[in-house]
């Protein structure tokens, strides 16, 4: 965006020659309109313009499209301008006249480095603080423990940590709750041929696959104590031994663990090793649920909406800002995962050119799917057992503020059933 037509056309031509698709605007209002109507990966804006400045535009973009990186350009920039722009989340600050090589390098770097993962974006102070912390700890080798309810975006936060680490290896994700106890050790550490019945060939473990990278251990609180002892030794000694082998191997994978459980409580109950918790908890990040950062809901919903429109070929679909704001008042016990699925479902099922409350189950005719009277849930005749189970889990989670273990106890089911159902939302 630039108020000088010659600059606009020159930048457009330069970037299109390099293979980028470019949208141009000479004012903030039309630029924000383009952002609402089109999928935009990067904004390049002049700082000083008549009317709305680049800084004011940046503030607006941070509110409505927090995941889109912004680069500001100016011929009159001051240190104060640059500091304010960076505080507001600008990727960088370019001086005019812009050099072609500097511009292209910055554009390419910004597009590659920006995670653009809506699940970890938001304008709330809590999420901004998390991003600042990730920047600080990214280059360290310290183990990290991510704590938060299911669906809050812990895996995506782990991916951001990996990107910030600069480690050359890959990121490997393991859902510890999904692996039977008998397979945990062989999957993580690998095994030699003949280590057990059926081990016809040697297999590299996930620690080896994550060499010089990041190993993400999700639902670490669900692991058995025998495995916890072996994981502790890896973290202490920096080496592991595959099943059936006598030769230790060096472990060069940064460990990021995640849980939705209270590990301190599990330690007191004797279900989790205190020494392992201390090792994992060198750096602790608490990921807040959506109900504690409701101001992020419209921002996230807009991001999901724009992404889903493109994915499902519904580019002409619109959604009102008032509806997005209304979503902030809903409980979202499944957190960001539930919000994303609800938005995608709305995009897929929308009949006209605009998504309304009916697509989110807000229409009076849709509200009779489930009603609450006192401590009872009432379902209309013909409601499927699957829907009844889903609603029972969601309403119970809402009543216990998202505590999965307490909800499982109340419902008389295994906690893993709740994890699985939430993943399917």
Protein backbone atom coordinates (compact mmCIF):
# COMPACT_ATOMS: atom_id res chain seq x y z
CA UNK A 1 0.00 0.00 0.00
CA UNK A 2 1.29 3.45 -1.00
CA UNK A 3 -0.38 6.76 -1.77
CA UNK A 4 2.02 7.42 -4.66
CA UNK A 5 0.81 5.71 -7.84
CA UNK A 6 4.31 5.47 -9.33
CA UNK A 7 5.64 3.64 -6.27
CA UNK A 8 2.69 1.24 -6.31
CA UNK A 9 3.12 0.22 -9.93
CA UNK A 10 6.91 -0.07 -9.61
CA UNK A 11 6.65 -2.37 -6.57
CA UNK A 12 3.87 -4.39 -8.20
CA UNK A 13 5.92 -4.92 -11.35
CA UNK A 14 9.06 -5.86 -9.39
CA UNK A 15 7.28 -8.44 -7.23
CA UNK A 16 5.21 -9.93 -10.06
CA UNK A 17 8.37 -10.50 -12.12
CA UNK A 18 9.64 -12.57 -9.17
CA UNK A 19 6.49 -14.72 -9.27
CA UNK A 20 4.40 -13.12 -6.50
CA UNK A 21 0.71 -12.33 -6.89
CA UNK A 22 0.23 -8.68 -5.90
CA UNK A 23 -2.81 -6.66 -4.83
CA UNK A 24 -2.38 -2.88 -4.64
CA UNK A 25 -4.15 -0.14 -2.70
CA UNK A 26 -3.63 3.60 -2.30
CA UNK A 27 -5.43 3.93 1.05
CA UNK A 28 -6.00 2.15 4.37
CA UNK A 29 -9.75 1.66 3.92
CA UNK A 30 -9.38 -0.09 0.57
CA UNK A 31 -6.41 -2.09 1.92
CA UNK A 32 -8.48 -3.43 4.82
CA UNK A 33 -11.27 -4.24 2.37
CA UNK A 34 -8.82 -6.28 0.28
CA UNK A 35 -7.71 -8.14 3.42
CA UNK A 36 -11.31 -9.04 4.20
CA UNK A 37 -12.07 -10.24 0.67
CA UNK A 38 -8.79 -11.93 -0.32
CA UNK A 39 -6.27 -14.36 1.10
CA UNK A 40 -3.20 -12.23 1.87
CA UNK A 41 0.14 -13.64 3.06
CA UNK A 42 2.09 -10.39 3.51
CA UNK A 43 1.38 -6.63 3.68
CA UNK A 44 3.90 -4.06 2.39
CA UNK A 45 2.87 -0.54 3.37
CA UNK A 46 4.19 3.01 3.33
CA UNK A 47 4.49 4.61 6.78
CA UNK A 48 3.59 8.22 5.98
CA UNK A 49 0.36 8.76 4.04
CA UNK A 50 -2.50 11.26 4.05
CA UNK A 51 -5.28 10.29 6.44
CA UNK A 52 -4.49 6.93 8.07
CA UNK A 53 -0.78 6.27 8.67
CA UNK A 54 1.02 2.97 8.23
CA UNK A 55 1.20 2.62 12.03
CA UNK A 56 -2.59 3.00 12.32
CA UNK A 57 -3.06 0.49 9.51
CA UNK A 58 -0.72 -1.89 11.32
CA UNK A 59 -2.86 -1.60 14.47
CA UNK A 60 -5.98 -2.44 12.45
CA UNK A 61 -4.31 -5.44 10.79
CA UNK A 62 -3.14 -6.77 14.16
CA UNK A 63 -6.75 -6.73 15.35
CA UNK A 64 -8.43 -8.27 12.32
CA UNK A 65 -5.66 -10.36 10.68
CA UNK A 66 -3.10 -10.97 13.41
CA UNK A 67 -1.29 -13.69 11.48
CA UNK A 68 -0.43 -11.58 8.43
CA UNK A 69 3.15 -10.21 8.55
CA UNK A 70 3.55 -6.48 7.84
CA UNK A 71 6.59 -4.64 6.43
CA UNK A 72 6.63 -0.83 6.64
CA UNK A 73 8.52 1.49 4.26
CA UNK A 74 9.38 5.16 4.68
CA UNK A 75 11.69 7.91 3.49
CA UNK A 76 11.22 9.83 6.75
CA UNK A 77 11.49 7.13 9.39
CA UNK A 78 12.72 7.85 12.89
CA UNK A 79 13.97 5.52 15.61
CA UNK A 80 10.71 6.11 17.51
CA UNK A 81 8.69 5.08 14.44
CA UNK A 82 10.71 1.88 14.08
CA UNK A 83 10.39 1.01 17.78
CA UNK A 84 6.63 1.56 17.76
CA UNK A 85 6.22 -0.47 14.57
CA UNK A 86 8.19 -3.41 15.96
CA UNK A 87 6.24 -3.29 19.24
CA UNK A 88 3.03 -3.55 17.24
CA UNK A 89 4.37 -6.61 15.45
CA UNK A 90 5.83 -5.30 12.19
CA UNK A 91 8.23 -7.79 10.62
CA UNK A 92 10.69 -5.08 9.56
CA UNK A 93 11.21 -1.48 8.54
CA UNK A 94 12.58 -0.52 5.09
CA UNK A 95 14.02 2.86 4.12
CA UNK A 96 13.10 4.48 0.80
CA UNK A 97 14.28 4.35 -1.89
CA UNK A 98 13.87 0.61 -1.47
CA UNK A 99 16.69 -1.54 -2.85
CA UNK A 100 15.44 -4.45 -4.94
CA UNK A 101 17.71 -7.08 -3.36
CA UNK A 102 16.88 -5.97 0.19
CA UNK A 103 13.14 -5.95 -0.52
CA UNK A 104 13.07 -9.38 -2.15
CA UNK A 105 15.19 -10.93 0.58
CA UNK A 106 12.94 -9.49 3.30
CA UNK A 107 9.73 -10.54 1.55
CA UNK A 108 10.97 -14.10 1.03
CA UNK A 109 12.30 -14.38 4.59
CA UNK A 110 9.05 -13.04 6.06
CA UNK A 111 6.91 -15.51 4.12
CA UNK A 112 9.15 -18.45 5.07
CA UNK A 113 9.61 -17.61 8.75
CA UNK A 114 6.08 -16.53 9.58
CA UNK A 115 4.27 -19.56 11.03
CA UNK A 116 0.89 -18.09 10.04
CA UNK A 117 -0.78 -20.66 12.28
CA UNK A 118 -4.08 -19.17 13.46
CA UNK A 119 -4.18 -21.47 16.52
CA UNK A 120 -1.26 -19.60 18.10
CA UNK A 121 -2.28 -16.13 17.04
CA UNK A 122 -4.34 -13.51 18.78
CA UNK A 123 -4.30 -10.00 20.04
CA UNK A 124 -4.67 -10.88 23.72
CA UNK A 125 -1.80 -9.95 25.99
CA UNK A 126 -1.49 -13.60 27.06
CA UNK A 127 -0.72 -14.78 23.52
CA UNK A 128 1.58 -11.86 22.83
CA UNK A 129 3.56 -12.73 25.95
CA UNK A 130 3.82 -16.36 24.84
CA UNK A 131 5.20 -15.30 21.46
CA UNK A 132 7.73 -13.02 23.16
CA UNK A 133 8.84 -15.87 25.41
CA UNK A 134 9.20 -18.24 22.45
CA UNK A 135 11.47 -15.70 20.76
CA UNK A 136 13.67 -15.63 23.87
CA UNK A 137 13.90 -19.38 24.42
CA UNK A 138 13.92 -20.54 20.80
CA UNK A 139 17.70 -20.81 20.44
CA UNK A 140 18.25 -22.60 23.77
CA UNK A 141 18.39 -26.38 24.19
CA UNK A 142 16.34 -26.39 27.41
CA UNK A 143 13.43 -28.81 27.67
CA UNK A 144 10.03 -27.12 27.62
CA UNK A 145 6.72 -28.10 29.20
CA UNK A 146 3.54 -26.78 27.58
CA UNK A 147 0.45 -26.94 29.77
CA UNK A 148 -3.11 -26.23 28.69
CA UNK A 149 -6.47 -27.76 27.94
CA UNK A 150 -7.10 -29.92 24.88
CA UNK A 151 -7.48 -27.88 21.73
CA UNK A 152 -5.59 -24.78 22.90
CA UNK A 153 -2.87 -25.21 20.26
CA UNK A 154 0.00 -26.80 22.18
CA UNK A 155 1.31 -28.76 19.19
CA UNK A 156 1.31 -25.67 17.00
CA UNK A 157 3.12 -23.77 19.73
CA UNK A 158 5.69 -26.57 19.76
CA UNK A 159 6.08 -26.15 15.99
CA UNK A 160 6.72 -22.44 16.47
CA UNK A 161 9.36 -23.26 19.10
CA UNK A 162 11.00 -25.63 16.62
CA UNK A 163 11.00 -22.98 13.89
CA UNK A 164 12.57 -20.44 16.23
CA UNK A 165 15.22 -22.93 17.38
CA UNK A 166 17.14 -22.94 14.11
CA UNK A 167 17.78 -26.67 14.58
CA UNK A 168 18.49 -28.40 11.26
CA UNK A 169 16.70 -31.67 12.04
CA UNK A 170 12.98 -32.34 11.73
CA UNK A 171 10.24 -32.08 14.30
CA UNK A 172 8.73 -35.41 15.32
CA UNK A 173 5.38 -35.52 17.16
CA UNK A 174 4.33 -38.35 19.47
CA UNK A 175 0.91 -38.68 21.12
CA UNK A 176 1.86 -40.64 24.21
CA UNK A 177 -1.78 -41.31 25.11
CA UNK A 178 -2.38 -43.00 21.74
CA UNK A 179 0.47 -45.51 22.11
CA UNK A 180 -0.06 -48.69 24.16
CA UNK A 181 2.39 -49.10 27.03
CA UNK A 182 3.98 -52.07 25.26
CA UNK A 183 4.89 -49.93 22.22
CA UNK A 184 6.05 -46.70 23.86
CA UNK A 185 9.63 -47.77 24.48
CA UNK A 186 10.17 -49.43 21.09
CA UNK A 187 8.63 -46.47 19.23
CA UNK A 188 10.69 -43.86 21.07
CA UNK A 189 14.02 -45.66 21.32
CA UNK A 190 13.84 -48.11 18.41
CA UNK A 191 14.97 -51.73 18.43
CA UNK A 192 17.46 -54.16 16.94
CA UNK A 193 16.58 -57.16 14.84
CA UNK A 194 15.46 -60.04 17.05
CA UNK A 195 14.83 -57.81 20.07
CA UNK A 196 11.38 -59.39 20.46
CA UNK A 197 9.01 -61.66 18.57
CA UNK A 198 8.19 -60.04 15.24
CA UNK A 199 11.25 -57.76 15.18
CA UNK A 200 12.48 -59.11 11.84
CA UNK A 201 14.42 -55.95 11.01
CA UNK A 202 15.98 -53.18 13.06
CA UNK A 203 13.97 -49.96 13.41
CA UNK A 204 15.12 -46.46 14.23
CA UNK A 205 13.21 -44.89 17.09
CA UNK A 206 11.61 -41.47 17.15
CA UNK A 207 14.49 -40.06 19.19
CA UNK A 208 16.74 -41.00 16.29
CA UNK A 209 14.30 -39.59 13.73
CA UNK A 210 14.35 -36.27 15.60
CA UNK A 211 18.16 -36.08 15.68
CA UNK A 212 19.31 -32.43 15.62
CA UNK A 213 15.63 -31.48 15.65
CA UNK A 214 12.73 -31.42 18.11
CA UNK A 215 10.83 -34.30 19.73
CA UNK A 216 7.33 -33.29 20.81
CA UNK A 217 5.84 -35.57 23.47
CA UNK A 218 2.13 -34.82 23.71
CA UNK A 219 0.04 -36.04 26.68
CA UNK A 220 3.20 -36.79 28.67
CA UNK A 221 1.06 -37.22 31.79
CA UNK A 222 -0.41 -40.41 30.31
CA UNK A 223 2.89 -42.31 30.23
CA UNK A 224 3.53 -45.26 32.58
CA UNK A 225 6.19 -44.89 35.28
CA UNK A 226 8.48 -47.52 33.75
CA UNK A 227 8.75 -45.41 30.62
CA UNK A 228 9.10 -42.22 32.68
CA UNK A 229 12.24 -43.65 34.30
CA UNK A 230 13.82 -44.35 30.91
CA UNK A 231 12.89 -40.93 29.55
CA UNK A 232 14.44 -39.33 32.63
CA UNK A 233 17.71 -41.12 31.94
CA UNK A 234 17.74 -39.86 28.35
CA UNK A 235 17.25 -36.28 29.54
CA UNK A 236 19.94 -36.65 32.23
CA UNK A 237 22.60 -38.53 30.26
CA UNK A 238 21.84 -37.38 26.72
CA UNK A 239 21.78 -40.93 25.37
CA UNK A 240 19.42 -43.87 24.90
CA UNK A 241 19.70 -47.57 24.11
CA UNK A 242 17.44 -49.27 21.52
CA UNK A 243 15.70 -52.46 22.61
CA UNK A 244 17.94 -55.48 22.09
CA UNK A 245 21.10 -53.37 21.89
CA UNK A 246 23.96 -52.88 24.34
CA UNK A 247 25.37 -49.77 22.63
CA UNK A 248 24.00 -46.42 23.81
CA UNK A 249 23.29 -43.80 21.17
CA UNK A 250 23.63 -40.05 21.56
CA UNK A 251 20.32 -38.19 21.85
CA UNK A 252 20.49 -34.81 20.14
CA UNK A 253 16.81 -33.93 20.05
CA UNK A 254 15.32 -31.03 21.95
CA UNK A 255 12.37 -32.31 23.98
CA UNK A 256 9.15 -30.32 24.18
CA UNK A 257 6.45 -32.01 26.26
CA UNK A 258 2.78 -31.11 26.61
CA UNK A 259 -0.02 -32.03 28.96
CA UNK A 260 -3.54 -31.02 29.90
CA UNK A 261 -3.17 -32.63 33.32
CA UNK A 262 -1.97 -31.19 36.62
CA UNK A 263 1.42 -32.91 36.80
CA UNK A 264 2.08 -31.61 40.32
CA UNK A 265 -1.09 -33.38 41.45
CA UNK A 266 -0.06 -36.55 39.59
CA UNK A 267 3.28 -36.42 41.42
CA UNK A 268 1.48 -36.19 44.77
CA UNK A 269 -0.71 -39.13 43.77
CA UNK A 270 2.37 -41.16 42.84
CA UNK A 271 1.41 -41.38 39.15
CA UNK A 272 4.17 -39.16 37.77
CA UNK A 273 7.84 -38.94 38.73
CA UNK A 274 8.79 -35.71 40.45
CA UNK A 275 12.37 -35.85 39.15
CA UNK A 276 11.10 -36.16 35.57
CA UNK A 277 8.77 -33.20 36.09
CA UNK A 278 11.72 -31.07 37.21
CA UNK A 279 13.66 -32.09 34.11
CA UNK A 280 10.78 -31.38 31.74
CA UNK A 281 9.79 -28.16 33.45
CA UNK A 282 13.00 -26.21 32.85
CA UNK A 283 10.83 -23.76 30.90
CA UNK A 284 7.08 -23.72 31.48
CA UNK A 285 4.50 -22.19 29.14
CA UNK A 286 0.84 -22.09 30.15
CA UNK A 287 -1.47 -21.91 27.12
CA UNK A 288 -4.73 -20.21 28.15
CA UNK A 289 -8.13 -21.55 27.05
CA UNK A 290 -10.32 -19.45 24.78
CA UNK A 291 -12.68 -18.50 27.63
CA UNK A 292 -9.76 -16.61 29.22
CA UNK A 293 -8.93 -14.70 26.03
CA UNK A 294 -12.29 -14.10 24.41
CA UNK A 295 -10.93 -11.11 22.48
CA UNK A 296 -9.01 -13.62 20.34
CA UNK A 297 -12.14 -15.47 19.19
CA UNK A 298 -13.20 -13.04 16.41
CA UNK A 299 -9.58 -12.80 15.17
CA UNK A 300 -9.16 -16.57 15.07
CA UNK A 301 -12.60 -17.11 13.55
CA UNK A 302 -11.79 -14.63 10.77
CA UNK A 303 -8.48 -16.41 10.07
CA UNK A 304 -10.19 -19.80 9.95
CA UNK A 305 -12.97 -18.39 7.76
CA UNK A 306 -10.55 -16.98 5.17
CA UNK A 307 -8.55 -20.21 5.14
CA UNK A 308 -11.64 -22.42 4.84
CA UNK A 309 -13.09 -20.32 2.00
CA UNK A 310 -9.98 -20.97 -0.04
CA UNK A 311 -9.77 -24.65 0.88
CA UNK A 312 -13.39 -25.43 0.00
CA UNK A 313 -13.74 -23.15 -3.02
CA UNK A 314 -16.18 -20.72 -1.36
CA UNK A 315 -14.27 -17.50 -2.16
CA UNK A 316 -17.46 -15.42 -2.53
CA UNK A 317 -18.70 -16.33 0.95
CA UNK A 318 -19.03 -13.49 3.48
CA UNK A 319 -19.40 -13.36 7.26
CA UNK A 320 -20.55 -10.39 9.33
CA UNK A 321 -18.30 -8.90 11.99
CA UNK A 322 -21.24 -8.91 14.42
CA UNK A 323 -21.51 -12.69 14.10
CA UNK A 324 -17.78 -13.13 14.73
CA UNK A 325 -18.07 -10.91 17.80
CA UNK A 326 -21.05 -12.98 18.99
CA UNK A 327 -18.93 -16.14 18.84
CA UNK A 328 -16.71 -14.65 21.56
CA UNK A 329 -19.56 -15.10 24.04
CA UNK A 330 -19.84 -18.87 23.49
CA UNK A 331 -18.05 -21.28 25.89
CA UNK A 332 -15.89 -23.26 23.37
CA UNK A 333 -14.93 -26.07 25.79
CA UNK A 334 -13.01 -27.69 22.92
CA UNK A 335 -11.05 -24.42 22.59
CA UNK A 336 -9.40 -23.39 19.32
CA UNK A 337 -9.84 -26.83 17.76
CA UNK A 338 -13.60 -26.66 18.31
CA UNK A 339 -13.77 -23.09 16.99
CA UNK A 340 -11.86 -24.02 13.86
CA UNK A 341 -14.04 -27.03 13.15
CA UNK A 342 -17.20 -24.97 13.75
CA UNK A 343 -16.04 -22.31 11.27
CA UNK A 344 -15.09 -24.89 8.64
CA UNK A 345 -18.42 -26.65 9.10
CA UNK A 346 -20.20 -23.30 8.65
CA UNK A 347 -18.29 -22.60 5.43
CA UNK A 348 -19.10 -26.03 4.02
CA UNK A 349 -22.81 -25.98 4.95
CA UNK A 350 -23.61 -22.32 4.11
CA UNK A 351 -26.43 -22.23 1.53
CA UNK A 352 -26.13 -18.64 0.32
CA UNK A 353 -23.32 -16.12 -0.03
CA UNK A 354 -23.20 -15.23 3.66
CA UNK A 355 -22.61 -17.35 6.75
CA UNK A 356 -25.25 -16.75 9.41
CA UNK A 357 -25.98 -17.88 12.93
CA UNK A 358 -27.78 -21.00 11.69
CA UNK A 359 -24.50 -22.44 10.39
CA UNK A 360 -23.11 -22.16 13.94
CA UNK A 361 -26.19 -23.64 15.56
CA UNK A 362 -27.30 -20.20 16.86
CA UNK A 363 -30.65 -20.13 15.05
CA UNK A 364 -33.66 -20.87 17.31
CA UNK A 365 -34.60 -23.81 15.10
CA UNK A 366 -31.18 -25.34 15.65
CA UNK A 367 -31.09 -24.69 19.41
CA UNK A 368 -33.56 -27.47 20.06
CA UNK A 369 -30.88 -30.06 19.19
CA UNK A 370 -30.00 -30.00 22.88
CA UNK A 371 -31.44 -28.04 25.79
CA UNK A 372 -30.42 -27.77 29.41
CA UNK A 373 -32.96 -27.88 32.23
CA UNK A 374 -31.42 -27.70 35.67
CA UNK A 375 -28.87 -30.51 35.86
CA UNK A 376 -30.40 -32.42 32.92
CA UNK A 377 -29.77 -32.51 29.18
CA UNK A 378 -32.83 -33.02 26.98
CA UNK A 379 -32.60 -34.37 23.43
CA UNK A 380 -35.34 -34.55 20.80
CA UNK A 381 -36.48 -37.94 19.54
CA UNK A 382 -34.10 -39.31 16.92
CA UNK A 383 -30.90 -37.71 18.22
CA UNK A 384 -28.01 -40.09 17.54
CA UNK A 385 -26.08 -41.69 20.40
CA UNK A 386 -22.91 -40.12 19.01
CA UNK A 387 -24.44 -36.63 19.28
CA UNK A 388 -25.71 -37.35 22.80
CA UNK A 389 -22.25 -38.48 23.87
CA UNK A 390 -20.64 -35.42 22.28
CA UNK A 391 -23.02 -33.00 24.00
CA UNK A 392 -22.67 -34.77 27.35
CA UNK A 393 -18.88 -34.46 27.18
CA UNK A 394 -18.97 -30.81 26.10
CA UNK A 395 -21.51 -29.77 28.75
CA UNK A 396 -19.64 -31.62 31.49
CA UNK A 397 -16.35 -30.03 30.46
CA UNK A 398 -18.04 -26.63 30.53
CA UNK A 399 -19.29 -27.32 34.07
CA UNK A 400 -15.83 -28.30 35.37
CA UNK A 401 -13.95 -25.52 33.54
CA UNK A 402 -12.31 -27.87 31.07
CA UNK A 403 -10.83 -30.36 33.58
CA UNK A 404 -10.68 -33.53 31.45
CA UNK A 405 -9.90 -35.91 34.32
CA UNK A 406 -12.75 -34.56 36.46
CA UNK A 407 -15.14 -34.76 33.50
CA UNK A 408 -14.11 -38.37 32.90
CA UNK A 409 -14.74 -39.18 36.58
CA UNK A 410 -18.20 -37.58 36.50
CA UNK A 411 -19.16 -39.33 33.25
CA UNK A 412 -17.71 -42.66 34.37
CA UNK A 413 -15.52 -43.06 31.29
CA UNK A 414 -11.81 -43.26 30.56
CA UNK A 415 -10.04 -39.91 30.15
CA UNK A 416 -8.66 -41.17 26.82
CA UNK A 417 -12.23 -41.35 25.49
CA UNK A 418 -12.59 -37.62 26.15
CA UNK A 419 -9.25 -36.86 24.46
CA UNK A 420 -10.34 -38.90 21.44
CA UNK A 421 -13.78 -37.29 21.21
CA UNK A 422 -12.33 -33.78 21.47
CA UNK A 423 -9.86 -34.58 18.70
CA UNK A 424 -12.83 -35.59 16.52
CA UNK A 425 -14.82 -32.38 17.15
